[in-house]
Amino acid sequence: MSASASTPRKNAIVQAAATGVAIRSATLYCTLSPCSYCAKSVINAGIVEVVYSGTYALSPVTAALFKQAGITLRQLLNPSVTIEPRFHPAPPKKPKPTQKLRAEARG
């Protein structure tokens, strides 16, 4: 297993923690099934379901880890459904009160 193969799943978990996004009880959607190293991160993060499209390094150990932790592991088999990221634009930032006062003073 290469280190880069496990990076996307672990990175998503770390980024959620770093930005304060709650992922406990969440479902993780990923293109490839997690390896046993990523499985441990998923378990520790409190994720309750993993949905993947293709199989990668899915060993009996990984399946057993998820089963023991009570995590649902599900392969997406319907070819008409895809896992594609959807990015939503961030809402516009509200001006800080000091910026608003400066703009009015120039006005």
Protein backbone atom coordinates (compact mmCIF):
# COMPACT_ATOMS: atom_id res chain seq x y z
CA MET A 1 0.00 0.00 0.00
CA SER A 2 1.32 3.39 -0.89
CA ALA A 3 0.99 6.26 1.55
CA SER A 4 -0.83 8.39 -1.02
CA ALA A 5 -3.63 5.84 -1.40
CA SER A 6 -4.81 6.35 2.16
CA THR A 7 -4.36 10.12 2.20
CA PRO A 8 -7.79 11.28 0.90
CA ARG A 9 -9.84 9.53 3.58
CA LYS A 10 -7.51 10.43 6.42
CA ASN A 11 -7.16 13.97 5.11
CA ALA A 12 -10.93 14.43 5.07
CA ILE A 13 -11.13 13.34 8.72
CA VAL A 14 -8.22 15.55 9.77
CA GLN A 15 -9.60 18.57 7.91
CA ALA A 16 -12.99 18.12 9.55
CA ALA A 17 -11.32 18.03 12.97
CA ALA A 18 -9.14 21.05 12.19
CA THR A 19 -12.07 23.17 11.04
CA GLY A 20 -14.51 22.07 13.72
CA VAL A 21 -16.83 20.11 11.42
CA ALA A 22 -18.67 17.40 13.34
CA ILE A 23 -18.43 14.03 11.59
CA ARG A 24 -19.50 11.74 14.43
CA SER A 25 -22.42 9.57 13.17
CA ALA A 26 -21.67 10.61 9.57
CA THR A 27 -21.50 8.55 6.39
CA LEU A 28 -18.20 8.59 4.49
CA TYR A 29 -18.50 8.36 0.71
CA CYS A 30 -15.28 7.45 -1.07
CA THR A 31 -14.24 6.25 -4.48
CA LEU A 32 -12.17 3.35 -3.17
CA SER A 33 -12.69 1.13 -0.13
CA PRO A 34 -10.52 2.05 2.85
CA CYS A 35 -7.48 0.04 3.88
CA SER A 36 -7.01 -1.10 7.48
CA TYR A 37 -5.05 2.06 8.38
CA CYS A 38 -7.85 4.33 7.15
CA ALA A 39 -10.41 2.05 8.79
CA LYS A 40 -8.87 2.83 12.17
CA SER A 41 -9.17 6.57 11.50
CA VAL A 42 -12.79 6.12 10.40
CA ILE A 43 -13.60 4.17 13.56
CA ASN A 44 -11.91 6.73 15.83
CA ALA A 45 -13.75 9.58 14.11
CA GLY A 46 -17.12 8.02 14.96
CA ILE A 47 -18.25 7.55 11.36
CA VAL A 48 -21.08 5.00 11.21
CA GLU A 49 -21.18 4.04 7.53
CA VAL A 50 -18.71 3.83 4.66
CA VAL A 51 -19.96 3.75 1.07
CA TYR A 52 -17.40 3.07 -1.64
CA SER A 53 -17.43 2.49 -5.38
CA GLY A 54 -14.33 0.44 -6.15
CA THR A 55 -12.40 -2.06 -4.07
CA TYR A 56 -8.91 -1.18 -2.91
CA ALA A 57 -6.98 -3.02 -0.22
CA LEU A 58 -10.21 -4.28 1.35
CA SER A 59 -8.80 -7.06 3.46
CA PRO A 60 -10.58 -9.40 5.85
CA VAL A 61 -8.90 -7.39 8.63
CA THR A 62 -10.53 -4.16 7.42
CA ALA A 63 -13.95 -5.80 7.14
CA ALA A 64 -13.54 -7.31 10.62
CA LEU A 65 -12.54 -3.93 12.11
CA PHE A 66 -15.66 -2.29 10.70
CA LYS A 67 -17.89 -5.17 11.79
CA GLN A 68 -16.49 -5.12 15.33
CA ALA A 69 -16.99 -1.34 15.51
CA GLY A 70 -20.57 -1.64 14.20
CA ILE A 71 -19.83 0.37 11.05
CA THR A 72 -21.82 -0.42 7.93
CA LEU A 73 -19.56 -1.06 4.93
CA ARG A 74 -21.41 -0.81 1.65
CA GLN A 75 -20.24 -0.99 -1.95
CA LEU A 76 -22.08 1.21 -4.42
CA LEU A 77 -23.15 -1.25 -7.10
CA ASN A 78 -25.60 0.80 -9.17
CA PRO A 79 -23.61 2.09 -12.16
CA SER A 80 -26.14 4.87 -12.76
CA VAL A 81 -25.15 6.42 -9.44
CA THR A 82 -21.76 8.03 -9.05
CA ILE A 83 -19.83 9.50 -6.19
CA GLU A 84 -18.87 13.00 -7.25
CA PRO A 85 -17.95 15.84 -4.95
CA ARG A 86 -20.27 18.81 -4.99
CA PHE A 87 -18.83 22.07 -3.85
CA HIS A 88 -21.17 24.75 -2.64
CA PRO A 89 -19.98 28.35 -2.74
CA ALA A 90 -19.37 29.90 0.63
CA PRO A 91 -21.96 32.47 1.68
CA PRO A 92 -20.81 36.07 1.27
CA LYS A 93 -19.01 37.43 4.29
CA LYS A 94 -20.75 40.14 6.24
CA PRO A 95 -18.68 43.28 6.63
CA LYS A 96 -17.22 43.84 10.06
CA PRO A 97 -18.79 46.75 11.95
CA THR A 98 -15.59 48.78 11.60
CA GLN A 99 -15.55 48.28 7.82
CA LYS A 100 -19.16 49.42 7.59
CA LEU A 101 -18.44 52.56 9.63
CA ARG A 102 -15.40 53.42 7.49
CA ALA A 103 -17.45 53.00 4.31
CA GLU A 104 -20.20 55.25 5.70
CA ALA A 105 -17.65 57.85 6.79
CA ARG A 106 -16.24 58.00 3.26
CA GLY A 107 -19.76 58.07 1.85
